[in-house]
Amino acid sequence: MRRYELMTIHRPEIPEDEMRSRVAALEEFLAGRGAKVKSTDLWGKRRFAYEIDHLSEGYYSVITFEGEPTVVDDLNRMLHLSDDVVRHKVVRPDA
């Protein structure tokens, strides 16, 4: 298993408690595919350095997990189709 970090930016107009439930759903998605979630860090609402899709802020979250590369493929596909996620990035911190 490889170690990954997932950073997501959720839309600013959704309520914070709903954003927390969406992050929990991401954790369940990962666990359902055999990944082990190590930590979750909610950064809250932050201002962007530049506008993204006419938005100037969003809710940031970082999930650290261990999983197989196929899990990352499924995760990227799911997040790319999500309307609530403005941007996401998966990186391998030890690579």
N, C-alpha and C. Protein backbone atom coordinates (compact mmCIF):
# COMPACT_ATOMS: atom_id res chain seq x y z
N MET A 1 0.84 -1.18 0.00
CA MET A 1 0.00 0.00 0.00
C MET A 1 0.88 1.25 0.00
N ARG A 2 0.42 2.25 -0.70
CA ARG A 2 1.15 3.51 -0.79
C ARG A 2 0.44 4.58 0.04
N ARG A 3 1.20 5.55 0.46
CA ARG A 3 0.64 6.65 1.24
C ARG A 3 0.29 7.81 0.31
N TYR A 4 -0.89 8.41 0.51
CA TYR A 4 -1.37 9.52 -0.31
C TYR A 4 -1.93 10.62 0.57
N GLU A 5 -1.96 11.83 0.02
CA GLU A 5 -2.67 12.95 0.62
C GLU A 5 -3.65 13.48 -0.40
N LEU A 6 -4.89 13.65 0.02
CA LEU A 6 -5.94 14.19 -0.83
C LEU A 6 -6.33 15.56 -0.29
N MET A 7 -6.18 16.58 -1.11
CA MET A 7 -6.67 17.91 -0.74
C MET A 7 -7.88 18.21 -1.61
N THR A 8 -8.96 18.64 -0.96
CA THR A 8 -10.16 19.03 -1.69
C THR A 8 -10.56 20.44 -1.30
N ILE A 9 -11.17 21.13 -2.25
CA ILE A 9 -11.77 22.44 -2.00
C ILE A 9 -13.25 22.31 -2.35
N HIS A 10 -14.09 22.46 -1.34
CA HIS A 10 -15.54 22.39 -1.54
C HIS A 10 -16.11 23.79 -1.76
N ARG A 11 -17.23 23.85 -2.42
CA ARG A 11 -17.89 25.12 -2.73
C ARG A 11 -18.21 25.89 -1.45
N PRO A 12 -18.07 27.21 -1.47
CA PRO A 12 -18.27 28.01 -0.25
C PRO A 12 -19.73 28.18 0.16
N GLU A 13 -20.68 27.97 -0.75
CA GLU A 13 -22.07 28.23 -0.39
C GLU A 13 -22.73 27.08 0.37
N ILE A 14 -22.09 25.91 0.44
CA ILE A 14 -22.69 24.84 1.23
C ILE A 14 -22.40 25.10 2.72
N PRO A 15 -23.32 24.73 3.61
CA PRO A 15 -23.08 24.94 5.04
C PRO A 15 -21.89 24.11 5.53
N GLU A 16 -21.24 24.59 6.57
CA GLU A 16 -20.02 23.92 7.06
C GLU A 16 -20.31 22.51 7.56
N ASP A 17 -21.45 22.30 8.21
CA ASP A 17 -21.75 20.95 8.70
C ASP A 17 -22.00 19.98 7.55
N GLU A 18 -22.54 20.48 6.45
CA GLU A 18 -22.73 19.63 5.26
C GLU A 18 -21.38 19.31 4.63
N MET A 19 -20.46 20.29 4.63
CA MET A 19 -19.12 20.04 4.11
C MET A 19 -18.43 18.96 4.93
N ARG A 20 -18.61 19.01 6.26
CA ARG A 20 -18.01 17.98 7.13
C ARG A 20 -18.58 16.60 6.81
N SER A 21 -19.87 16.53 6.51
CA SER A 21 -20.48 15.24 6.16
C SER A 21 -19.97 14.75 4.80
N ARG A 22 -19.67 15.66 3.89
CA ARG A 22 -19.11 15.27 2.59
C ARG A 22 -17.69 14.71 2.75
N VAL A 23 -16.92 15.31 3.66
CA VAL A 23 -15.57 14.80 3.93
C VAL A 23 -15.67 13.42 4.59
N ALA A 24 -16.63 13.25 5.50
CA ALA A 24 -16.85 11.93 6.11
C ALA A 24 -17.25 10.91 5.06
N ALA A 25 -18.03 11.33 4.07
CA ALA A 25 -18.42 10.43 2.98
C ALA A 25 -17.20 10.04 2.15
N LEU A 26 -16.25 10.96 1.96
CA LEU A 26 -15.00 10.63 1.27
C LEU A 26 -14.21 9.58 2.05
N GLU A 27 -14.17 9.73 3.37
CA GLU A 27 -13.49 8.74 4.21
C GLU A 27 -14.15 7.37 4.08
N GLU A 28 -15.48 7.33 4.06
CA GLU A 28 -16.21 6.07 3.89
C GLU A 28 -15.96 5.48 2.51
N PHE A 29 -15.89 6.33 1.48
CA PHE A 29 -15.60 5.89 0.13
C PHE A 29 -14.23 5.19 0.10
N LEU A 30 -13.24 5.82 0.73
CA LEU A 30 -11.89 5.24 0.76
C LEU A 30 -11.88 3.93 1.53
N ALA A 31 -12.52 3.90 2.69
CA ALA A 31 -12.56 2.69 3.51
C ALA A 31 -13.28 1.55 2.77
N GLY A 32 -14.30 1.89 2.02
CA GLY A 32 -15.04 0.91 1.26
C GLY A 32 -14.24 0.29 0.14
N ARG A 33 -13.18 0.93 -0.27
CA ARG A 33 -12.32 0.42 -1.33
C ARG A 33 -11.01 -0.15 -0.78
N GLY A 34 -10.96 -0.36 0.53
CA GLY A 34 -9.80 -1.01 1.13
C GLY A 34 -8.68 -0.09 1.58
N ALA A 35 -8.87 1.22 1.48
CA ALA A 35 -7.84 2.17 1.92
C ALA A 35 -7.97 2.40 3.43
N LYS A 36 -6.86 2.77 4.05
CA LYS A 36 -6.86 3.06 5.48
C LYS A 36 -6.65 4.56 5.67
N VAL A 37 -7.65 5.23 6.21
CA VAL A 37 -7.57 6.67 6.45
C VAL A 37 -6.73 6.89 7.72
N LYS A 38 -5.65 7.64 7.58
CA LYS A 38 -4.75 7.90 8.70
C LYS A 38 -5.14 9.16 9.47
N SER A 39 -5.47 10.23 8.75
CA SER A 39 -5.86 11.47 9.43
C SER A 39 -6.69 12.33 8.49
N THR A 40 -7.46 13.22 9.09
CA THR A 40 -8.26 14.19 8.35
C THR A 40 -8.06 15.55 8.99
N ASP A 41 -7.75 16.54 8.17
CA ASP A 41 -7.50 17.89 8.66
C ASP A 41 -8.44 18.84 7.92
N LEU A 42 -9.35 19.45 8.64
CA LEU A 42 -10.28 20.42 8.05
C LEU A 42 -9.71 21.82 8.27
N TRP A 43 -9.42 22.51 7.21
CA TRP A 43 -8.82 23.83 7.29
C TRP A 43 -9.87 24.93 7.38
N GLY A 44 -11.09 24.63 7.05
CA GLY A 44 -12.15 25.64 7.08
C GLY A 44 -12.19 26.44 5.78
N LYS A 45 -12.90 27.56 5.83
CA LYS A 45 -13.07 28.39 4.64
C LYS A 45 -11.85 29.30 4.49
N ARG A 46 -11.25 29.26 3.30
CA ARG A 46 -10.06 30.06 3.00
C ARG A 46 -10.27 30.83 1.71
N ARG A 47 -9.58 31.95 1.61
CA ARG A 47 -9.63 32.78 0.41
C ARG A 47 -8.62 32.25 -0.60
N PHE A 48 -9.02 32.23 -1.88
CA PHE A 48 -8.13 31.78 -2.96
C PHE A 48 -7.14 32.87 -3.34
N ALA A 49 -6.02 32.48 -3.88
CA ALA A 49 -5.05 33.44 -4.40
C ALA A 49 -5.57 34.06 -5.71
N TYR A 50 -6.41 33.31 -6.42
CA TYR A 50 -7.02 33.79 -7.66
C TYR A 50 -8.38 33.13 -7.80
N GLU A 51 -9.26 33.70 -8.60
CA GLU A 51 -10.60 33.16 -8.76
C GLU A 51 -10.58 31.82 -9.49
N ILE A 52 -11.41 30.91 -9.03
CA ILE A 52 -11.60 29.62 -9.68
C ILE A 52 -13.09 29.49 -9.97
N ASP A 53 -13.45 29.39 -11.22
CA ASP A 53 -14.86 29.29 -11.63
C ASP A 53 -15.71 30.39 -11.00
N HIS A 54 -15.22 31.61 -11.01
CA HIS A 54 -15.88 32.80 -10.47
C HIS A 54 -16.10 32.73 -8.95
N LEU A 55 -15.32 31.92 -8.26
CA LEU A 55 -15.38 31.82 -6.80
C LEU A 55 -14.09 32.38 -6.22
N SER A 56 -14.19 33.00 -5.05
CA SER A 56 -12.99 33.58 -4.44
C SER A 56 -12.61 32.90 -3.13
N GLU A 57 -13.42 31.91 -2.66
CA GLU A 57 -13.10 31.19 -1.45
C GLU A 57 -13.74 29.81 -1.49
N GLY A 58 -13.30 28.94 -0.57
CA GLY A 58 -13.83 27.59 -0.49
C GLY A 58 -13.37 26.91 0.78
N TYR A 59 -13.98 25.76 1.08
CA TYR A 59 -13.63 24.97 2.26
C TYR A 59 -12.53 23.97 1.89
N TYR A 60 -11.42 24.04 2.59
CA TYR A 60 -10.30 23.15 2.34
C TYR A 60 -10.32 21.98 3.31
N SER A 61 -9.91 20.81 2.82
CA SER A 61 -9.72 19.65 3.69
C SER A 61 -8.58 18.80 3.14
N VAL A 62 -7.87 18.12 4.04
CA VAL A 62 -6.77 17.24 3.66
C VAL A 62 -6.98 15.90 4.34
N ILE A 63 -7.00 14.83 3.55
CA ILE A 63 -7.14 13.48 4.08
C ILE A 63 -5.87 12.71 3.73
N THR A 64 -5.23 12.15 4.74
CA THR A 64 -4.06 11.30 4.53
C THR A 64 -4.52 9.85 4.63
N PHE A 65 -4.15 9.04 3.63
CA PHE A 65 -4.59 7.64 3.62
C PHE A 65 -3.56 6.75 2.95
N GLU A 66 -3.71 5.46 3.18
CA GLU A 66 -2.88 4.45 2.52
C GLU A 66 -3.80 3.58 1.68
N GLY A 67 -3.38 3.33 0.45
CA GLY A 67 -4.22 2.53 -0.42
C GLY A 67 -3.48 2.13 -1.68
N GLU A 68 -4.16 1.38 -2.50
CA GLU A 68 -3.62 0.92 -3.79
C GLU A 68 -3.87 2.00 -4.85
N PRO A 69 -3.07 2.00 -5.92
CA PRO A 69 -3.27 3.00 -6.98
C PRO A 69 -4.65 2.97 -7.62
N THR A 70 -5.32 1.83 -7.62
CA THR A 70 -6.67 1.76 -8.21
C THR A 70 -7.67 2.57 -7.40
N VAL A 71 -7.43 2.68 -6.09
CA VAL A 71 -8.30 3.50 -5.23
C VAL A 71 -8.22 4.96 -5.65
N VAL A 72 -7.01 5.41 -5.99
CA VAL A 72 -6.81 6.80 -6.40
C VAL A 72 -7.52 7.06 -7.73
N ASP A 73 -7.50 6.10 -8.63
CA ASP A 73 -8.21 6.25 -9.90
C ASP A 73 -9.71 6.42 -9.67
N ASP A 74 -10.27 5.57 -8.81
CA ASP A 74 -11.71 5.67 -8.49
C ASP A 74 -12.03 7.00 -7.82
N LEU A 75 -11.16 7.42 -6.91
CA LEU A 75 -11.35 8.67 -6.18
C LEU A 75 -11.31 9.87 -7.13
N ASN A 76 -10.34 9.90 -8.02
CA ASN A 76 -10.25 10.99 -9.00
C ASN A 76 -11.50 11.06 -9.87
N ARG A 77 -11.97 9.92 -10.31
CA ARG A 77 -13.16 9.87 -11.16
C ARG A 77 -14.38 10.42 -10.41
N MET A 78 -14.55 9.99 -9.15
CA MET A 78 -15.70 10.42 -8.36
C MET A 78 -15.64 11.92 -8.06
N LEU A 79 -14.47 12.43 -7.68
CA LEU A 79 -14.35 13.85 -7.34
C LEU A 79 -14.46 14.75 -8.56
N HIS A 80 -14.00 14.26 -9.70
CA HIS A 80 -14.10 15.05 -10.93
C HIS A 80 -15.56 15.26 -11.32
N LEU A 81 -16.41 14.29 -11.02
CA LEU A 81 -17.83 14.38 -11.37
C LEU A 81 -18.67 15.11 -10.31
N SER A 82 -18.11 15.32 -9.12
CA SER A 82 -18.86 15.95 -8.04
C SER A 82 -19.04 17.45 -8.28
N ASP A 83 -20.26 17.93 -8.10
CA ASP A 83 -20.55 19.36 -8.27
C ASP A 83 -20.10 20.18 -7.07
N ASP A 84 -19.95 19.55 -5.90
CA ASP A 84 -19.60 20.27 -4.69
C ASP A 84 -18.10 20.51 -4.54
N VAL A 85 -17.28 19.81 -5.31
CA VAL A 85 -15.83 19.94 -5.21
C VAL A 85 -15.35 20.87 -6.32
N VAL A 86 -14.72 21.97 -5.91
CA VAL A 86 -14.19 22.94 -6.88
C VAL A 86 -12.90 22.42 -7.48
N ARG A 87 -11.99 21.93 -6.63
CA ARG A 87 -10.70 21.39 -7.06
C ARG A 87 -10.32 20.26 -6.10
N HIS A 88 -9.52 19.33 -6.60
CA HIS A 88 -8.93 18.30 -5.74
C HIS A 88 -7.57 17.92 -6.29
N LYS A 89 -6.74 17.41 -5.42
CA LYS A 89 -5.39 17.00 -5.80
C LYS A 89 -4.98 15.84 -4.91
N VAL A 90 -4.45 14.78 -5.52
CA VAL A 90 -3.93 13.64 -4.78
C VAL A 90 -2.43 13.59 -5.03
N VAL A 91 -1.65 13.55 -3.94
CA VAL A 91 -0.20 13.51 -4.06
C VAL A 91 0.34 12.38 -3.18
N ARG A 92 1.55 11.93 -3.53
CA ARG A 92 2.28 10.98 -2.69
C ARG A 92 3.37 11.75 -1.99
N PRO A 93 3.23 12.02 -0.69
CA PRO A 93 4.20 12.89 0.01
C PRO A 93 5.59 12.31 0.10
N ASP A 94 5.75 10.98 0.08
CA ASP A 94 7.06 10.39 0.19
C ASP A 94 7.73 10.14 -1.15
N ALA A 95 7.07 10.45 -2.25
CA ALA A 95 7.65 10.22 -3.58
C ALA A 95 8.54 11.38 -3.99
